[in-house]
Amino acid sequence: MSKPEVLVVAKLWPRYMQALQDAFVVHDRTHLDDPAAFAAIAPRIRAIAASGESKVGPELLQQLPALEMISVFGVGYDGVDVA
């Protein structure tokens, strides 16, 4: 069984990134750095790892049909479109 795929949308502490990479297939800010690659992986993304300062808007969420979870490392989730 393959590991679930996670999109990281913020610069995370190295210890957090290592823990994610140990358990998941991690795509580190691919949505910002490589839109073509992001379009190819978006249907497989099951979770987002964010920080309290992250912006996770409806435009991003609409591209992730398999999304099940958004995890925010830090305080607050004001930048997450929870609707």
PDB file of N, CA and C in Angstrom:
ATOM      1  N   MET A   1       0.839  -1.186   0.000  1.00  0.00           N
ATOM      2  CA  MET A   1       0.000   0.000   0.000  1.00  0.00           C
ATOM      3  C   MET A   1       0.881   1.245   0.000  1.00  0.00           C
ATOM      4  N   SER A   2       0.549   2.205  -0.839  1.00  0.00           N
ATOM      5  CA  SER A   2       1.358   3.417  -0.918  1.00  0.00           C
ATOM      6  C   SER A   2       0.973   4.400   0.189  1.00  0.00           C
ATOM      7  N   LYS A   3       1.876   5.298   0.464  1.00  0.00           N
ATOM      8  CA  LYS A   3       1.642   6.309   1.493  1.00  0.00           C
ATOM      9  C   LYS A   3       0.669   7.361   0.966  1.00  0.00           C
ATOM     10  N   PRO A   4      -0.189   7.907   1.846  1.00  0.00           N
ATOM     11  CA  PRO A   4      -1.060   9.022   1.440  1.00  0.00           C
ATOM     12  C   PRO A   4      -0.214  10.235   1.055  1.00  0.00           C
ATOM     13  N   GLU A   5      -0.774  11.056   0.159  1.00  0.00           N
ATOM     14  CA  GLU A   5      -0.048  12.231  -0.315  1.00  0.00           C
ATOM     15  C   GLU A   5      -0.545  13.490   0.385  1.00  0.00           C
ATOM     16  N   VAL A   6       0.421  14.314   0.794  1.00  0.00           N
ATOM     17  CA  VAL A   6       0.156  15.523   1.574  1.00  0.00           C
ATOM     18  C   VAL A   6       0.773  16.721   0.860  1.00  0.00           C
ATOM     19  N   LEU A   7       0.028  17.808   0.809  1.00  0.00           N
ATOM     20  CA  LEU A   7       0.544  19.068   0.282  1.00  0.00           C
ATOM     21  C   LEU A   7       0.927  19.962   1.446  1.00  0.00           C
ATOM     22  N   VAL A   8       2.175  20.373   1.491  1.00  0.00           N
ATOM     23  CA  VAL A   8       2.651  21.327   2.492  1.00  0.00           C
ATOM     24  C   VAL A   8       2.524  22.712   1.885  1.00  0.00           C
ATOM     25  N   VAL A   9       1.842  23.620   2.580  1.00  0.00           N
ATOM     26  CA  VAL A   9       1.595  24.962   2.034  1.00  0.00           C
ATOM     27  C   VAL A   9       2.352  26.053   2.782  1.00  0.00           C
ATOM     28  N   ALA A  10       3.279  25.665   3.659  1.00  0.00           N
ATOM     29  CA  ALA A  10       4.040  26.643   4.441  1.00  0.00           C
ATOM     30  C   ALA A  10       5.427  26.076   4.721  1.00  0.00           C
ATOM     31  N   LYS A  11       6.340  26.952   5.063  1.00  0.00           N
ATOM     32  CA  LYS A  11       7.654  26.488   5.499  1.00  0.00           C
ATOM     33  C   LYS A  11       7.487  25.955   6.920  1.00  0.00           C
ATOM     34  N   LEU A  12       7.729  24.662   7.077  1.00  0.00           N
ATOM     35  CA  LEU A  12       7.580  24.020   8.377  1.00  0.00           C
ATOM     36  C   LEU A  12       8.943  23.740   8.997  1.00  0.00           C
ATOM     37  N   TRP A  13       8.958  23.591  10.306  1.00  0.00           N
ATOM     38  CA  TRP A  13      10.198  23.258  11.000  1.00  0.00           C
ATOM     39  C   TRP A  13      10.739  21.949  10.453  1.00  0.00           C
ATOM     40  N   PRO A  14      12.056  21.818  10.353  1.00  0.00           N
ATOM     41  CA  PRO A  14      12.651  20.588   9.825  1.00  0.00           C
ATOM     42  C   PRO A  14      12.164  19.312  10.531  1.00  0.00           C
ATOM     43  N   ARG A  15      11.974  19.356  11.813  1.00  0.00           N
ATOM     44  CA  ARG A  15      11.508  18.171  12.546  1.00  0.00           C
ATOM     45  C   ARG A  15      10.104  17.773  12.084  1.00  0.00           C
ATOM     46  N   TYR A  16       9.222  18.749  11.853  1.00  0.00           N
ATOM     47  CA  TYR A  16       7.875  18.457  11.351  1.00  0.00           C
ATOM     48  C   TYR A  16       7.943  17.879   9.933  1.00  0.00           C
ATOM     49  N   MET A  17       8.779  18.481   9.097  1.00  0.00           N
ATOM     50  CA  MET A  17       8.908  17.997   7.728  1.00  0.00           C
ATOM     51  C   MET A  17       9.419  16.566   7.708  1.00  0.00           C
ATOM     52  N   GLN A  18      10.385  16.261   8.542  1.00  0.00           N
ATOM     53  CA  GLN A  18      10.929  14.906   8.579  1.00  0.00           C
ATOM     54  C   GLN A  18       9.855  13.906   9.012  1.00  0.00           C
ATOM     55  N   ALA A  19       9.077  14.266  10.009  1.00  0.00           N
ATOM     56  CA  ALA A  19       8.003  13.375  10.466  1.00  0.00           C
ATOM     57  C   ALA A  19       6.980  13.147   9.354  1.00  0.00           C
ATOM     58  N   LEU A  20       6.637  14.197   8.625  1.00  0.00           N
ATOM     59  CA  LEU A  20       5.707  14.056   7.505  1.00  0.00           C
ATOM     60  C   LEU A  20       6.300  13.165   6.420  1.00  0.00           C
ATOM     61  N   GLN A  21       7.559  13.394   6.095  1.00  0.00           N
ATOM     62  CA  GLN A  21       8.204  12.618   5.036  1.00  0.00           C
ATOM     63  C   GLN A  21       8.354  11.146   5.408  1.00  0.00           C
ATOM     64  N   ASP A  22       8.454  10.863   6.684  1.00  0.00           N
ATOM     65  CA  ASP A  22       8.542   9.471   7.130  1.00  0.00           C
ATOM     66  C   ASP A  22       7.218   8.730   6.934  1.00  0.00           C
ATOM     67  N   ALA A  23       6.110   9.446   7.046  1.00  0.00           N
ATOM     68  CA  ALA A  23       4.800   8.804   7.017  1.00  0.00           C
ATOM     69  C   ALA A  23       4.004   9.011   5.730  1.00  0.00           C
ATOM     70  N   PHE A  24       4.356  10.030   4.945  1.00  0.00           N
ATOM     71  CA  PHE A  24       3.551  10.407   3.787  1.00  0.00           C
ATOM     72  C   PHE A  24       4.432  10.705   2.569  1.00  0.00           C
ATOM     73  N   VAL A  25       3.804  10.784   1.418  1.00  0.00           N
ATOM     74  CA  VAL A  25       4.450  11.355   0.237  1.00  0.00           C
ATOM     75  C   VAL A  25       4.184  12.862   0.345  1.00  0.00           C
ATOM     76  N   VAL A  26       5.232  13.642   0.475  1.00  0.00           N
ATOM     77  CA  VAL A  26       5.097  15.071   0.740  1.00  0.00           C
ATOM     78  C   VAL A  26       5.396  15.885  -0.519  1.00  0.00           C
ATOM     79  N   HIS A  27       4.485  16.794  -0.821  1.00  0.00           N
ATOM     80  CA  HIS A  27       4.660  17.738  -1.921  1.00  0.00           C
ATOM     81  C   HIS A  27       4.804  19.112  -1.271  1.00  0.00           C
ATOM     82  N   ASP A  28       6.025  19.601  -1.222  1.00  0.00           N
ATOM     83  CA  ASP A  28       6.339  20.835  -0.496  1.00  0.00           C
ATOM     84  C   ASP A  28       6.106  22.061  -1.366  1.00  0.00           C
ATOM     85  N   ARG A  29       4.988  22.727  -1.156  1.00  0.00           N
ATOM     86  CA  ARG A  29       4.599  23.964  -1.837  1.00  0.00           C
ATOM     87  C   ARG A  29       4.596  23.835  -3.359  1.00  0.00           C
ATOM     88  N   THR A  30       4.299  22.644  -3.846  1.00  0.00           N
ATOM     89  CA  THR A  30       4.258  22.395  -5.288  1.00  0.00           C
ATOM     90  C   THR A  30       3.247  23.302  -5.973  1.00  0.00           C
ATOM     91  N   HIS A  31       2.161  23.647  -5.291  1.00  0.00           N
ATOM     92  CA  HIS A  31       1.131  24.508  -5.886  1.00  0.00           C
ATOM     93  C   HIS A  31       1.682  25.889  -6.219  1.00  0.00           C
ATOM     94  N   LEU A  32       2.733  26.316  -5.527  1.00  0.00           N
ATOM     95  CA  LEU A  32       3.353  27.621  -5.790  1.00  0.00           C
ATOM     96  C   LEU A  32       4.514  27.517  -6.765  1.00  0.00           C
ATOM     97  N   ASP A  33       5.300  26.466  -6.627  1.00  0.00           N
ATOM     98  CA  ASP A  33       6.542  26.338  -7.376  1.00  0.00           C
ATOM     99  C   ASP A  33       6.391  25.754  -8.771  1.00  0.00           C
ATOM    100  N   ASP A  34       5.406  24.862  -8.966  1.00  0.00           N
ATOM    101  CA  ASP A  34       5.298  24.160 -10.245  1.00  0.00           C
ATOM    102  C   ASP A  34       3.834  23.844 -10.544  1.00  0.00           C
ATOM    103  N   PRO A  35       3.099  24.804 -11.100  1.00  0.00           N
ATOM    104  CA  PRO A  35       1.665  24.598 -11.350  1.00  0.00           C
ATOM    105  C   PRO A  35       1.348  23.379 -12.214  1.00  0.00           C
ATOM    106  N   ALA A  36       2.178  23.068 -13.186  1.00  0.00           N
ATOM    107  CA  ALA A  36       1.914  21.902 -14.041  1.00  0.00           C
ATOM    108  C   ALA A  36       2.042  20.609 -13.238  1.00  0.00           C
ATOM    109  N   ALA A  37       3.078  20.512 -12.430  1.00  0.00           N
ATOM    110  CA  ALA A  37       3.242  19.332 -11.574  1.00  0.00           C
ATOM    111  C   ALA A  37       2.106  19.249 -10.560  1.00  0.00           C
ATOM    112  N   PHE A  38       1.699  20.394 -10.038  1.00  0.00           N
ATOM    113  CA  PHE A  38       0.597  20.405  -9.074  1.00  0.00           C
ATOM    114  C   PHE A  38      -0.689  19.891  -9.712  1.00  0.00           C
ATOM    115  N   ALA A  39      -0.976  20.297 -10.921  1.00  0.00           N
ATOM    116  CA  ALA A  39      -2.189  19.830 -11.610  1.00  0.00           C
ATOM    117  C   ALA A  39      -2.189  18.312 -11.734  1.00  0.00           C
ATOM    118  N   ALA A  40      -1.018  17.717 -11.936  1.00  0.00           N
ATOM    119  CA  ALA A  40      -0.920  16.264 -12.079  1.00  0.00           C
ATOM    120  C   ALA A  40      -1.129  15.532 -10.754  1.00  0.00           C
ATOM    121  N   ILE A  41      -0.673  16.123  -9.647  1.00  0.00           N
ATOM    122  CA  ILE A  41      -0.778  15.439  -8.351  1.00  0.00           C
ATOM    123  C   ILE A  41      -2.023  15.820  -7.556  1.00  0.00           C
ATOM    124  N   ALA A  42      -2.652  16.934  -7.887  1.00  0.00           N
ATOM    125  CA  ALA A  42      -3.778  17.446  -7.101  1.00  0.00           C
ATOM    126  C   ALA A  42      -4.869  16.410  -6.828  1.00  0.00           C
ATOM    127  N   PRO A  43      -5.247  15.579  -7.786  1.00  0.00           N
ATOM    128  CA  PRO A  43      -6.299  14.602  -7.504  1.00  0.00           C
ATOM    129  C   PRO A  43      -5.930  13.547  -6.452  1.00  0.00           C
ATOM    130  N   ARG A  44      -4.635  13.423  -6.145  1.00  0.00           N
ATOM    131  CA  ARG A  44      -4.191  12.413  -5.166  1.00  0.00           C
ATOM    132  C   ARG A  44      -3.949  12.985  -3.779  1.00  0.00           C
ATOM    133  N   ILE A  45      -3.967  14.300  -3.633  1.00  0.00           N
ATOM    134  CA  ILE A  45      -3.683  14.940  -2.344  1.00  0.00           C
ATOM    135  C   ILE A  45      -4.833  14.668  -1.380  1.00  0.00           C
ATOM    136  N   ARG A  46      -4.504  14.077  -0.213  1.00  0.00           N
ATOM    137  CA  ARG A  46      -5.533  13.752   0.772  1.00  0.00           C
ATOM    138  C   ARG A  46      -5.493  14.662   1.989  1.00  0.00           C
ATOM    139  N   ALA A  47      -4.389  15.416   2.148  1.00  0.00           N
ATOM    140  CA  ALA A  47      -4.279  16.289   3.318  1.00  0.00           C
ATOM    141  C   ALA A  47      -3.404  17.491   2.983  1.00  0.00           C
ATOM    142  N   ILE A  48      -3.618  18.543   3.749  1.00  0.00           N
ATOM    143  CA  ILE A  48      -2.796  19.750   3.666  1.00  0.00           C
ATOM    144  C   ILE A  48      -2.153  19.957   5.024  1.00  0.00           C
ATOM    145  N   ALA A  49      -0.855  20.246   5.032  1.00  0.00           N
ATOM    146  CA  ALA A  49      -0.131  20.631   6.241  1.00  0.00           C
ATOM    147  C   ALA A  49       0.168  22.118   6.115  1.00  0.00           C
ATOM    148  N   ALA A  50      -0.297  22.889   7.081  1.00  0.00           N
ATOM    149  CA  ALA A  50      -0.180  24.347   7.028  1.00  0.00           C
ATOM    150  C   ALA A  50       0.385  24.877   8.335  1.00  0.00           C
ATOM    151  N   SER A  51       0.644  26.172   8.351  1.00  0.00           N
ATOM    152  CA  SER A  51       1.007  26.869   9.590  1.00  0.00           C
ATOM    153  C   SER A  51      -0.113  27.850   9.909  1.00  0.00           C
ATOM    154  N   GLY A  52      -0.031  28.472  11.051  1.00  0.00           N
ATOM    155  CA  GLY A  52      -1.050  29.441  11.436  1.00  0.00           C
ATOM    156  C   GLY A  52      -1.119  30.644  10.524  1.00  0.00           C
ATOM    157  N   GLU A  53      -0.073  30.871   9.742  1.00  0.00           N
ATOM    158  CA  GLU A  53      -0.020  32.010   8.826  1.00  0.00           C
ATOM    159  C   GLU A  53      -0.399  31.637   7.394  1.00  0.00           C
ATOM    160  N   SER A  54      -0.692  30.372   7.144  1.00  0.00           N
ATOM    161  CA  SER A  54      -0.973  29.894   5.784  1.00  0.00           C
ATOM    162  C   SER A  54      -2.280  30.432   5.239  1.00  0.00           C
ATOM    163  N   LYS A  55      -2.304  30.567   3.934  1.00  0.00           N
ATOM    164  CA  LYS A  55      -3.521  30.931   3.209  1.00  0.00           C
ATOM    165  C   LYS A  55      -3.975  29.699   2.419  1.00  0.00           C
ATOM    166  N   VAL A  56      -5.116  29.159   2.803  1.00  0.00           N
ATOM    167  CA  VAL A  56      -5.696  28.003   2.117  1.00  0.00           C
ATOM    168  C   VAL A  56      -7.086  28.439   1.673  1.00  0.00           C
ATOM    169  N   GLY A  57      -7.123  29.016   0.488  1.00  0.00           N
ATOM    170  CA  GLY A  57      -8.358  29.597  -0.017  1.00  0.00           C
ATOM    171  C   GLY A  57      -9.187  28.625  -0.833  1.00  0.00           C
ATOM    172  N   PRO A  58     -10.370  29.069  -1.217  1.00  0.00           N
ATOM    173  CA  PRO A  58     -11.272  28.206  -1.982  1.00  0.00           C
ATOM    174  C   PRO A  58     -10.708  27.791  -3.333  1.00  0.00           C
ATOM    175  N   GLU A  59      -9.874  28.635  -3.953  1.00  0.00           N
ATOM    176  CA  GLU A  59      -9.288  28.294  -5.250  1.00  0.00           C
ATOM    177  C   GLU A  59      -8.409  27.051  -5.139  1.00  0.00           C
ATOM    178  N   LEU A  60      -7.628  26.973  -4.074  1.00  0.00           N
ATOM    179  CA  LEU A  60      -6.781  25.806  -3.846  1.00  0.00           C
ATOM    180  C   LEU A  60      -7.630  24.589  -3.499  1.00  0.00           C
ATOM    181  N   LEU A  61      -8.563  24.758  -2.598  1.00  0.00           N
ATOM    182  CA  LEU A  61      -9.389  23.631  -2.149  1.00  0.00           C
ATOM    183  C   LEU A  61     -10.189  23.010  -3.285  1.00  0.00           C
ATOM    184  N   GLN A  62     -10.645  23.812  -4.222  1.00  0.00           N
ATOM    185  CA  GLN A  62     -11.428  23.294  -5.344  1.00  0.00           C
ATOM    186  C   GLN A  62     -10.613  22.378  -6.249  1.00  0.00           C
ATOM    187  N   GLN A  63      -9.308  22.488  -6.192  1.00  0.00           N
ATOM    188  CA  GLN A  63      -8.436  21.661  -7.026  1.00  0.00           C
ATOM    189  C   GLN A  63      -8.096  20.320  -6.382  1.00  0.00           C
ATOM    190  N   LEU A  64      -8.588  20.082  -5.176  1.00  0.00           N
ATOM    191  CA  LEU A  64      -8.210  18.897  -4.404  1.00  0.00           C
ATOM    192  C   LEU A  64      -9.430  18.031  -4.093  1.00  0.00           C
ATOM    193  N   PRO A  65      -9.911  17.257  -5.058  1.00  0.00           N
ATOM    194  CA  PRO A  65     -11.133  16.476  -4.857  1.00  0.00           C
ATOM    195  C   PRO A  65     -11.026  15.366  -3.815  1.00  0.00           C
ATOM    196  N   ALA A  66      -9.821  14.896  -3.516  1.00  0.00           N
ATOM    197  CA  ALA A  66      -9.646  13.812  -2.543  1.00  0.00           C
ATOM    198  C   ALA A  66      -9.289  14.327  -1.144  1.00  0.00           C
ATOM    199  N   LEU A  67      -9.285  15.649  -0.958  1.00  0.00           N
ATOM    200  CA  LEU A  67      -8.873  16.240   0.316  1.00  0.00           C
ATOM    201  C   LEU A  67      -9.775  15.778   1.453  1.00  0.00           C
ATOM    202  N   GLU A  68      -9.145  15.311   2.529  1.00  0.00           N
ATOM    203  CA  GLU A  68      -9.868  14.839   3.708  1.00  0.00           C
ATOM    204  C   GLU A  68      -9.546  15.638   4.962  1.00  0.00           C
ATOM    205  N   MET A  69      -8.368  16.291   4.989  1.00  0.00           N
ATOM    206  CA  MET A  69      -7.941  16.921   6.228  1.00  0.00           C
ATOM    207  C   MET A  69      -7.023  18.104   5.953  1.00  0.00           C
ATOM    208  N   ILE A  70      -7.141  19.128   6.799  1.00  0.00           N
ATOM    209  CA  ILE A  70      -6.204  20.247   6.815  1.00  0.00           C
ATOM    210  C   ILE A  70      -5.677  20.336   8.239  1.00  0.00           C
ATOM    211  N   SER A  71      -4.376  20.233   8.388  1.00  0.00           N
ATOM    212  CA  SER A  71      -3.750  20.306   9.701  1.00  0.00           C
ATOM    213  C   SER A  71      -2.936  21.588   9.781  1.00  0.00           C
ATOM    214  N   VAL A  72      -3.160  22.355  10.824  1.00  0.00           N
ATOM    215  CA  VAL A  72      -2.449  23.619  11.013  1.00  0.00           C
ATOM    216  C   VAL A  72      -1.506  23.468  12.196  1.00  0.00           C
ATOM    217  N   PHE A  73      -0.204  23.590  11.928  1.00  0.00           N
ATOM    218  CA  PHE A  73       0.813  23.567  12.971  1.00  0.00           C
ATOM    219  C   PHE A  73       0.987  24.997  13.459  1.00  0.00           C
ATOM    220  N   GLY A  74       0.443  25.327  14.593  1.00  0.00           N
ATOM    221  CA  GLY A  74       0.567  26.678  15.106  1.00  0.00           C
ATOM    222  C   GLY A  74      -0.760  27.181  15.620  1.00  0.00           C
ATOM    223  N   VAL A  75      -0.812  28.469  15.810  1.00  0.00           N
ATOM    224  CA  VAL A  75      -1.984  29.099  16.403  1.00  0.00           C
ATOM    225  C   VAL A  75      -2.880  29.675  15.316  1.00  0.00           C
ATOM    226  N   GLY A  76      -4.149  29.344  15.380  1.00  0.00           N
ATOM    227  CA  GLY A  76      -5.133  29.932  14.492  1.00  0.00           C
ATOM    228  C   GLY A  76      -5.242  29.257  13.153  1.00  0.00           C
ATOM    229  N   TYR A  77      -6.404  29.450  12.548  1.00  0.00           N
ATOM    230  CA  TYR A  77      -6.650  28.940  11.206  1.00  0.00           C
ATOM    231  C   TYR A  77      -7.445  29.963  10.404  1.00  0.00           C
ATOM    232  N   ASP A  78      -7.186  31.235  10.671  1.00  0.00           N
ATOM    233  CA  ASP A  78      -7.890  32.328   9.997  1.00  0.00           C
ATOM    234  C   ASP A  78      -7.701  32.297   8.488  1.00  0.00           C
ATOM    235  N   GLY A  79      -6.571  31.789   8.009  1.00  0.00           N
ATOM    236  CA  GLY A  79      -6.302  31.761   6.580  1.00  0.00           C
ATOM    237  C   GLY A  79      -6.890  30.571   5.848  1.00  0.00           C
ATOM    238  N   VAL A  80      -7.568  29.698   6.579  1.00  0.00           N
ATOM    239  CA  VAL A  80      -8.166  28.500   5.980  1.00  0.00           C
ATOM    240  C   VAL A  80      -9.637  28.748   5.684  1.00  0.00           C
ATOM    241  N   ASP A  81     -10.027  28.492   4.470  1.00  0.00           N
ATOM    242  CA  ASP A  81     -11.432  28.632   4.067  1.00  0.00           C
ATOM    243  C   ASP A  81     -12.219  27.440   4.616  1.00  0.00           C
ATOM    244  N   VAL A  82     -12.702  27.562   5.833  1.00  0.00           N
ATOM    245  CA  VAL A  82     -13.392  26.437   6.479  1.00  0.00           C
ATOM    246  C   VAL A  82     -14.804  26.219   5.947  1.00  0.00           C
ATOM    247  N   ALA A  83     -15.343  27.189   5.257  1.00  0.00           N
ATOM    248  CA  ALA A  83     -16.690  26.992   4.702  1.00  0.00           C
ATOM    249  C   ALA A  83     -16.629  25.922   3.634  1.00  0.00           C
TER     250      ALA A  83
END
